[in-house]
């Protein structure tokens, strides 16, 4: 079963969203946010060893599990505020 508790990932996401909010409050025109990082590219080289992303995958059963970071990001999106 994929790990669903991913506090480090959540901190990474939150800090980036906080900077987007800060830019907006400084009058910078922000038209979007894409949750992606250069580290996602290392997944290709790591094969099935490293686990990335907001959704965990059990490779044996192909079951998908929404991680805590995805739920928290969804809550922020639904509220449209940090």
PDB file of N, CA and C in Angstrom:
ATOM      1  N   UNK A   1       0.846  -1.187   0.000  1.00  0.00           N
ATOM      2  CA  UNK A   1       0.000   0.000   0.000  1.00  0.00           C
ATOM      3  C   UNK A   1       0.885   1.243   0.000  1.00  0.00           C
ATOM      4  N   UNK A   2       0.645   2.177  -0.885  1.00  0.00           N
ATOM      5  CA  UNK A   2       1.452   3.399  -0.919  1.00  0.00           C
ATOM      6  C   UNK A   2       1.276   4.221   0.348  1.00  0.00           C
ATOM      7  N   UNK A   3       2.337   4.882   0.744  1.00  0.00           N
ATOM      8  CA  UNK A   3       2.294   5.757   1.916  1.00  0.00           C
ATOM      9  C   UNK A   3       1.410   6.967   1.615  1.00  0.00           C
ATOM     10  N   UNK A   4       0.479   7.270   2.513  1.00  0.00           N
ATOM     11  CA  UNK A   4      -0.411   8.409   2.287  1.00  0.00           C
ATOM     12  C   UNK A   4      -0.015   9.631   3.105  1.00  0.00           C
ATOM     13  N   UNK A   5       0.761   9.439   4.147  1.00  0.00           N
ATOM     14  CA  UNK A   5       1.174  10.557   4.996  1.00  0.00           C
ATOM     15  C   UNK A   5       2.489  11.106   4.438  1.00  0.00           C
ATOM     16  N   UNK A   6       2.421  12.288   3.877  1.00  0.00           N
ATOM     17  CA  UNK A   6       3.577  12.857   3.173  1.00  0.00           C
ATOM     18  C   UNK A   6       3.767  14.325   3.551  1.00  0.00           C
ATOM     19  N   UNK A   7       4.098  14.535   4.809  1.00  0.00           N
ATOM     20  CA  UNK A   7       4.228  15.895   5.334  1.00  0.00           C
ATOM     21  C   UNK A   7       5.296  16.699   4.594  1.00  0.00           C
ATOM     22  N   UNK A   8       6.404  16.080   4.234  1.00  0.00           N
ATOM     23  CA  UNK A   8       7.453  16.807   3.510  1.00  0.00           C
ATOM     24  C   UNK A   8       6.937  17.337   2.176  1.00  0.00           C
ATOM     25  N   UNK A   9       6.181  16.526   1.469  1.00  0.00           N
ATOM     26  CA  UNK A   9       5.611  16.967   0.193  1.00  0.00           C
ATOM     27  C   UNK A   9       4.636  18.116   0.429  1.00  0.00           C
ATOM     28  N   UNK A  10       3.838  18.002   1.487  1.00  0.00           N
ATOM     29  CA  UNK A  10       2.877  19.057   1.782  1.00  0.00           C
ATOM     30  C   UNK A  10       3.584  20.378   2.091  1.00  0.00           C
ATOM     31  N   UNK A  11       4.645  20.327   2.862  1.00  0.00           N
ATOM     32  CA  UNK A  11       5.397  21.552   3.179  1.00  0.00           C
ATOM     33  C   UNK A  11       5.940  22.175   1.894  1.00  0.00           C
ATOM     34  N   UNK A  12       6.471  21.367   1.015  1.00  0.00           N
ATOM     35  CA  UNK A  12       6.963  21.841  -0.278  1.00  0.00           C
ATOM     36  C   UNK A  12       5.854  22.560  -1.049  1.00  0.00           C
ATOM     37  N   UNK A  13       4.688  21.934  -1.139  1.00  0.00           N
ATOM     38  CA  UNK A  13       3.560  22.522  -1.868  1.00  0.00           C
ATOM     39  C   UNK A  13       3.105  23.815  -1.199  1.00  0.00           C
ATOM     40  N   UNK A  14       2.929  23.771   0.117  1.00  0.00           N
ATOM     41  CA  UNK A  14       2.426  24.942   0.835  1.00  0.00           C
ATOM     42  C   UNK A  14       3.351  26.137   0.665  1.00  0.00           C
ATOM     43  N   UNK A  15       4.661  25.923   0.778  1.00  0.00           N
ATOM     44  CA  UNK A  15       5.604  27.034   0.640  1.00  0.00           C
ATOM     45  C   UNK A  15       5.543  27.653  -0.753  1.00  0.00           C
ATOM     46  N   UNK A  16       5.338  26.831  -1.764  1.00  0.00           N
ATOM     47  CA  UNK A  16       5.216  27.370  -3.118  1.00  0.00           C
ATOM     48  C   UNK A  16       3.903  28.136  -3.287  1.00  0.00           C
ATOM     49  N   UNK A  17       2.820  27.607  -2.746  1.00  0.00           N
ATOM     50  CA  UNK A  17       1.543  28.325  -2.821  1.00  0.00           C
ATOM     51  C   UNK A  17       1.601  29.633  -2.047  1.00  0.00           C
ATOM     52  N   UNK A  18       2.304  29.629  -0.930  1.00  0.00           N
ATOM     53  CA  UNK A  18       2.452  30.839  -0.141  1.00  0.00           C
ATOM     54  C   UNK A  18       3.183  31.911  -0.957  1.00  0.00           C
ATOM     55  N   UNK A  19       4.189  31.507  -1.726  1.00  0.00           N
ATOM     56  CA  UNK A  19       4.910  32.462  -2.572  1.00  0.00           C
ATOM     57  C   UNK A  19       4.017  32.985  -3.703  1.00  0.00           C
ATOM     58  N   UNK A  20       3.148  32.146  -4.236  1.00  0.00           N
ATOM     59  CA  UNK A  20       2.193  32.609  -5.248  1.00  0.00           C
ATOM     60  C   UNK A  20       1.254  33.644  -4.628  1.00  0.00           C
ATOM     61  N   UNK A  21       0.755  33.360  -3.429  1.00  0.00           N
ATOM     62  CA  UNK A  21      -0.125  34.307  -2.739  1.00  0.00           C
ATOM     63  C   UNK A  21       0.614  35.610  -2.453  1.00  0.00           C
ATOM     64  N   UNK A  22       1.852  35.499  -2.080  1.00  0.00           N
ATOM     65  CA  UNK A  22       2.660  36.699  -1.807  1.00  0.00           C
ATOM     66  C   UNK A  22       2.837  37.528  -3.078  1.00  0.00           C
ATOM     67  N   UNK A  23       3.128  36.875  -4.184  1.00  0.00           N
ATOM     68  CA  UNK A  23       3.268  37.580  -5.459  1.00  0.00           C
ATOM     69  C   UNK A  23       1.969  38.304  -5.816  1.00  0.00           C
ATOM     70  N   UNK A  24       0.852  37.629  -5.640  1.00  0.00           N
ATOM     71  CA  UNK A  24      -0.443  38.259  -5.923  1.00  0.00           C
ATOM     72  C   UNK A  24      -0.666  39.488  -5.055  1.00  0.00           C
ATOM     73  N   UNK A  25      -0.335  39.363  -3.767  1.00  0.00           N
ATOM     74  CA  UNK A  25      -0.536  40.501  -2.862  1.00  0.00           C
ATOM     75  C   UNK A  25       0.414  41.654  -3.192  1.00  0.00           C
ATOM     76  N   UNK A  26       1.536  41.354  -3.858  1.00  0.00           N
ATOM     77  CA  UNK A  26       2.471  42.392  -4.297  1.00  0.00           C
ATOM     78  C   UNK A  26       2.082  42.985  -5.649  1.00  0.00           C
ATOM     79  N   UNK A  27       0.949  42.540  -6.179  1.00  0.00           N
ATOM     80  CA  UNK A  27       0.459  43.093  -7.436  1.00  0.00           C
ATOM     81  C   UNK A  27       0.976  42.412  -8.685  1.00  0.00           C
ATOM     82  N   UNK A  28       1.638  41.282  -8.527  1.00  0.00           N
ATOM     83  CA  UNK A  28       2.135  40.550  -9.687  1.00  0.00           C
ATOM     84  C   UNK A  28       1.001  39.738 -10.278  1.00  0.00           C
ATOM     85  N   UNK A  29       0.875  39.797 -11.584  1.00  0.00           N
ATOM     86  CA  UNK A  29      -0.190  39.072 -12.275  1.00  0.00           C
ATOM     87  C   UNK A  29       0.200  37.597 -12.394  1.00  0.00           C
ATOM     88  N   UNK A  30      -0.505  36.758 -11.674  1.00  0.00           N
ATOM     89  CA  UNK A  30      -0.286  35.312 -11.733  1.00  0.00           C
ATOM     90  C   UNK A  30      -1.524  34.708 -12.375  1.00  0.00           C
ATOM     91  N   UNK A  31      -1.334  33.971 -13.450  1.00  0.00           N
ATOM     92  CA  UNK A  31      -2.501  33.423 -14.147  1.00  0.00           C
ATOM     93  C   UNK A  31      -2.663  31.919 -13.940  1.00  0.00           C
ATOM     94  N   UNK A  32      -1.734  31.307 -13.225  1.00  0.00           N
ATOM     95  CA  UNK A  32      -1.891  29.880 -12.984  1.00  0.00           C
ATOM     96  C   UNK A  32      -0.783  29.324 -12.119  1.00  0.00           C
ATOM     97  N   UNK A  33      -1.001  28.125 -11.659  1.00  0.00           N
ATOM     98  CA  UNK A  33      -0.018  27.391 -10.870  1.00  0.00           C
ATOM     99  C   UNK A  33      -0.071  25.939 -11.311  1.00  0.00           C
ATOM    100  N   UNK A  34       1.069  25.374 -11.648  1.00  0.00           N
ATOM    101  CA  UNK A  34       1.163  23.976 -12.051  1.00  0.00           C
ATOM    102  C   UNK A  34       2.009  23.248 -11.026  1.00  0.00           C
ATOM    103  N   UNK A  35       1.448  22.233 -10.430  1.00  0.00           N
ATOM    104  CA  UNK A  35       2.198  21.455  -9.435  1.00  0.00           C
ATOM    105  C   UNK A  35       3.092  20.459 -10.164  1.00  0.00           C
ATOM    106  N   UNK A  36       4.339  20.844 -10.325  1.00  0.00           N
ATOM    107  CA  UNK A  36       5.343  20.018 -10.994  1.00  0.00           C
ATOM    108  C   UNK A  36       6.693  20.506 -10.521  1.00  0.00           C
ATOM    109  N   UNK A  37       7.655  19.629 -10.491  1.00  0.00           N
ATOM    110  CA  UNK A  37       9.008  20.066 -10.157  1.00  0.00           C
ATOM    111  C   UNK A  37      10.004  19.293 -10.997  1.00  0.00           C
ATOM    112  N   UNK A  38      11.201  19.833 -11.071  1.00  0.00           N
ATOM    113  CA  UNK A  38      12.271  19.165 -11.788  1.00  0.00           C
ATOM    114  C   UNK A  38      12.511  17.771 -11.214  1.00  0.00           C
ATOM    115  N   UNK A  39      12.271  17.617  -9.904  1.00  0.00           N
ATOM    116  CA  UNK A  39      12.496  16.314  -9.285  1.00  0.00           C
ATOM    117  C   UNK A  39      11.604  15.235  -9.876  1.00  0.00           C
ATOM    118  N   UNK A  40      10.441  15.630 -10.425  1.00  0.00           N
ATOM    119  CA  UNK A  40       9.575  14.637 -11.056  1.00  0.00           C
ATOM    120  C   UNK A  40      10.297  13.915 -12.187  1.00  0.00           C
ATOM    121  N   UNK A  41      11.238  14.579 -12.831  1.00  0.00           N
ATOM    122  CA  UNK A  41      11.981  13.939 -13.919  1.00  0.00           C
ATOM    123  C   UNK A  41      12.847  12.787 -13.425  1.00  0.00           C
ATOM    124  N   UNK A  42      13.305  12.843 -12.185  1.00  0.00           N
ATOM    125  CA  UNK A  42      14.137  11.769 -11.658  1.00  0.00           C
ATOM    126  C   UNK A  42      13.342  10.469 -11.503  1.00  0.00           C
ATOM    127  N   UNK A  43      12.023  10.570 -11.451  1.00  0.00           N
ATOM    128  CA  UNK A  43      11.182   9.383 -11.370  1.00  0.00           C
ATOM    129  C   UNK A  43      11.457   8.467 -12.566  1.00  0.00           C
ATOM    130  N   UNK A  44      11.684   9.042 -13.703  1.00  0.00           N
ATOM    131  CA  UNK A  44      11.935   8.239 -14.905  1.00  0.00           C
ATOM    132  C   UNK A  44      13.196   7.397 -14.731  1.00  0.00           C
ATOM    133  N   UNK A  45      14.220   7.978 -14.147  1.00  0.00           N
ATOM    134  CA  UNK A  45      15.483   7.265 -13.967  1.00  0.00           C
ATOM    135  C   UNK A  45      15.413   6.245 -12.835  1.00  0.00           C
ATOM    136  N   UNK A  46      14.560   6.504 -11.848  1.00  0.00           N
ATOM    137  CA  UNK A  46      14.468   5.637 -10.666  1.00  0.00           C
ATOM    138  C   UNK A  46      13.574   4.421 -10.883  1.00  0.00           C
ATOM    139  N   UNK A  47      12.819   4.422 -11.966  1.00  0.00           N
ATOM    140  CA  UNK A  47      11.901   3.307 -12.195  1.00  0.00           C
ATOM    141  C   UNK A  47      10.851   3.242 -11.106  1.00  0.00           C
ATOM    142  N   UNK A  48      10.685   2.074 -10.499  1.00  0.00           N
ATOM    143  CA  UNK A  48       9.650   1.897  -9.468  1.00  0.00           C
ATOM    144  C   UNK A  48      10.182   2.079  -8.047  1.00  0.00           C
ATOM    145  N   UNK A  49      11.455   2.454  -7.892  1.00  0.00           N
ATOM    146  CA  UNK A  49      12.023   2.584  -6.550  1.00  0.00           C
ATOM    147  C   UNK A  49      11.514   3.811  -5.802  1.00  0.00           C
ATOM    148  N   UNK A  50      11.585   4.971  -6.433  1.00  0.00           N
ATOM    149  CA  UNK A  50      11.160   6.215  -5.779  1.00  0.00           C
ATOM    150  C   UNK A  50       9.656   6.419  -5.961  1.00  0.00           C
ATOM    151  N   UNK A  51       9.047   7.035  -4.988  1.00  0.00           N
ATOM    152  CA  UNK A  51       7.601   7.295  -5.045  1.00  0.00           C
ATOM    153  C   UNK A  51       7.364   8.785  -5.075  1.00  0.00           C
ATOM    154  N   UNK A  52       6.745   9.255  -6.147  1.00  0.00           N
ATOM    155  CA  UNK A  52       6.477  10.664  -6.344  1.00  0.00           C
ATOM    156  C   UNK A  52       4.970  10.878  -6.514  1.00  0.00           C
ATOM    157  N   UNK A  53       4.561  12.115  -6.489  1.00  0.00           N
ATOM    158  CA  UNK A  53       3.210  12.473  -6.879  1.00  0.00           C
ATOM    159  C   UNK A  53       2.214  12.573  -5.749  1.00  0.00           C
ATOM    160  N   UNK A  54       1.072  13.132  -6.086  1.00  0.00           N
ATOM    161  CA  UNK A  54      -0.011  13.335  -5.137  1.00  0.00           C
ATOM    162  C   UNK A  54      -0.858  12.081  -4.948  1.00  0.00           C
ATOM    163  N   UNK A  55      -0.765  11.162  -5.879  1.00  0.00           N
ATOM    164  CA  UNK A  55      -1.520   9.913  -5.833  1.00  0.00           C
ATOM    165  C   UNK A  55      -0.524   8.760  -5.735  1.00  0.00           C
ATOM    166  N   UNK A  56      -0.674   7.928  -4.707  1.00  0.00           N
ATOM    167  CA  UNK A  56       0.171   6.755  -4.569  1.00  0.00           C
ATOM    168  C   UNK A  56      -0.394   5.598  -5.362  1.00  0.00           C
ATOM    169  N   UNK A  57       0.462   4.773  -5.910  1.00  0.00           N
ATOM    170  CA  UNK A  57       0.029   3.624  -6.707  1.00  0.00           C
ATOM    171  C   UNK A  57       0.644   2.350  -6.146  1.00  0.00           C
ATOM    172  N   UNK A  58      -0.201   1.362  -5.875  1.00  0.00           N
ATOM    173  CA  UNK A  58       0.264   0.031  -5.523  1.00  0.00           C
ATOM    174  C   UNK A  58       0.505  -0.692  -6.848  1.00  0.00           C
ATOM    175  N   UNK A  59       1.773  -0.949  -7.153  1.00  0.00           N
ATOM    176  CA  UNK A  59       2.096  -1.499  -8.462  1.00  0.00           C
ATOM    177  C   UNK A  59       1.605  -2.932  -8.642  1.00  0.00           C
ATOM    178  N   UNK A  60       1.383  -3.649  -7.552  1.00  0.00           N
ATOM    179  CA  UNK A  60       0.877  -5.018  -7.668  1.00  0.00           C
ATOM    180  C   UNK A  60      -0.599  -5.046  -8.049  1.00  0.00           C
ATOM    181  N   UNK A  61      -1.399  -4.154  -7.428  1.00  0.00           N
ATOM    182  CA  UNK A  61      -2.852  -4.169  -7.658  1.00  0.00           C
ATOM    183  C   UNK A  61      -3.336  -3.024  -8.538  1.00  0.00           C
ATOM    184  N   UNK A  62      -2.458  -2.054  -8.791  1.00  0.00           N
ATOM    185  CA  UNK A  62      -2.784  -0.832  -9.525  1.00  0.00           C
ATOM    186  C   UNK A  62      -3.790   0.057  -8.779  1.00  0.00           C
ATOM    187  N   UNK A  63      -3.984  -0.227  -7.493  1.00  0.00           N
ATOM    188  CA  UNK A  63      -4.873   0.599  -6.678  1.00  0.00           C
ATOM    189  C   UNK A  63      -4.231   1.966  -6.467  1.00  0.00           C
ATOM    190  N   UNK A  64      -5.040   3.022  -6.636  1.00  0.00           N
ATOM    191  CA  UNK A  64      -4.575   4.386  -6.423  1.00  0.00           C
ATOM    192  C   UNK A  64      -5.039   4.863  -5.060  1.00  0.00           C
ATOM    193  N   UNK A  65      -4.150   5.566  -4.349  1.00  0.00           N
ATOM    194  CA  UNK A  65      -4.473   6.102  -3.032  1.00  0.00           C
ATOM    195  C   UNK A  65      -4.138   7.591  -3.018  1.00  0.00           C
ATOM    196  N   UNK A  66      -5.123   8.399  -2.690  1.00  0.00           N
ATOM    197  CA  UNK A  66      -4.903   9.842  -2.614  1.00  0.00           C
ATOM    198  C   UNK A  66      -4.093  10.132  -1.353  1.00  0.00           C
ATOM    199  N   UNK A  67      -2.990  10.817  -1.528  1.00  0.00           N
ATOM    200  CA  UNK A  67      -2.129  11.148  -0.396  1.00  0.00           C
ATOM    201  C   UNK A  67      -2.671  12.370   0.343  1.00  0.00           C
ATOM    202  N   UNK A  68      -2.218  12.536   1.581  1.00  0.00           N
ATOM    203  CA  UNK A  68      -2.662  13.668   2.398  1.00  0.00           C
ATOM    204  C   UNK A  68      -2.391  15.002   1.717  1.00  0.00           C
ATOM    205  N   UNK A  69      -1.240  15.125   1.059  1.00  0.00           N
ATOM    206  CA  UNK A  69      -0.905  16.381   0.386  1.00  0.00           C
ATOM    207  C   UNK A  69      -1.936  16.716  -0.695  1.00  0.00           C
ATOM    208  N   UNK A  70      -2.436  15.719  -1.397  1.00  0.00           N
ATOM    209  CA  UNK A  70      -3.457  15.954  -2.426  1.00  0.00           C
ATOM    210  C   UNK A  70      -4.752  16.425  -1.787  1.00  0.00           C
ATOM    211  N   UNK A  71      -5.127  15.822  -0.691  1.00  0.00           N
ATOM    212  CA  UNK A  71      -6.351  16.245   0.008  1.00  0.00           C
ATOM    213  C   UNK A  71      -6.228  17.689   0.483  1.00  0.00           C
ATOM    214  N   UNK A  72      -5.085  18.021   1.071  1.00  0.00           N
ATOM    215  CA  UNK A  72      -4.889  19.379   1.595  1.00  0.00           C
ATOM    216  C   UNK A  72      -4.845  20.400   0.457  1.00  0.00           C
ATOM    217  N   UNK A  73      -4.210  20.052  -0.649  1.00  0.00           N
ATOM    218  CA  UNK A  73      -4.195  20.931  -1.810  1.00  0.00           C
ATOM    219  C   UNK A  73      -5.620  21.126  -2.329  1.00  0.00           C
ATOM    220  N   UNK A  74      -6.392  20.058  -2.370  1.00  0.00           N
ATOM    221  CA  UNK A  74      -7.790  20.155  -2.798  1.00  0.00           C
ATOM    222  C   UNK A  74      -8.612  21.070  -1.909  1.00  0.00           C
ATOM    223  N   UNK A  75      -8.357  21.025  -0.613  1.00  0.00           N
ATOM    224  CA  UNK A  75      -9.077  21.905   0.314  1.00  0.00           C
ATOM    225  C   UNK A  75      -8.745  23.369   0.054  1.00  0.00           C
ATOM    226  N   UNK A  76      -7.476  23.658  -0.204  1.00  0.00           N
ATOM    227  CA  UNK A  76      -7.070  25.033  -0.510  1.00  0.00           C
ATOM    228  C   UNK A  76      -7.719  25.499  -1.809  1.00  0.00           C
ATOM    229  N   UNK A  77      -7.738  24.646  -2.794  1.00  0.00           N
ATOM    230  CA  UNK A  77      -8.357  24.994  -4.082  1.00  0.00           C
ATOM    231  C   UNK A  77      -9.845  25.257  -3.890  1.00  0.00           C
ATOM    232  N   UNK A  78     -10.523  24.404  -3.129  1.00  0.00           N
ATOM    233  CA  UNK A  78     -11.960  24.564  -2.899  1.00  0.00           C
ATOM    234  C   UNK A  78     -12.272  25.872  -2.169  1.00  0.00           C
ATOM    235  N   UNK A  79     -11.420  26.243  -1.196  1.00  0.00           N
ATOM    236  CA  UNK A  79     -11.624  27.479  -0.445  1.00  0.00           C
ATOM    237  C   UNK A  79     -11.110  28.701  -1.187  1.00  0.00           C
ATOM    238  N   UNK A  80     -10.188  28.461  -2.128  1.00  0.00           N
ATOM    239  CA  UNK A  80      -9.517  29.536  -2.866  1.00  0.00           C
ATOM    240  C   UNK A  80      -8.767  30.471  -1.918  1.00  0.00           C
ATOM    241  N   UNK A  81      -8.158  29.869  -0.898  1.00  0.00           N
ATOM    242  CA  UNK A  81      -7.326  30.637   0.043  1.00  0.00           C
ATOM    243  C   UNK A  81      -6.430  29.679   0.809  1.00  0.00           C
ATOM    244  N   UNK A  82      -5.314  30.217   1.315  1.00  0.00           N
ATOM    245  CA  UNK A  82      -4.390  29.385   2.087  1.00  0.00           C
ATOM    246  C   UNK A  82      -4.890  29.164   3.479  1.00  0.00           C
TER     247      UNK A  82
END
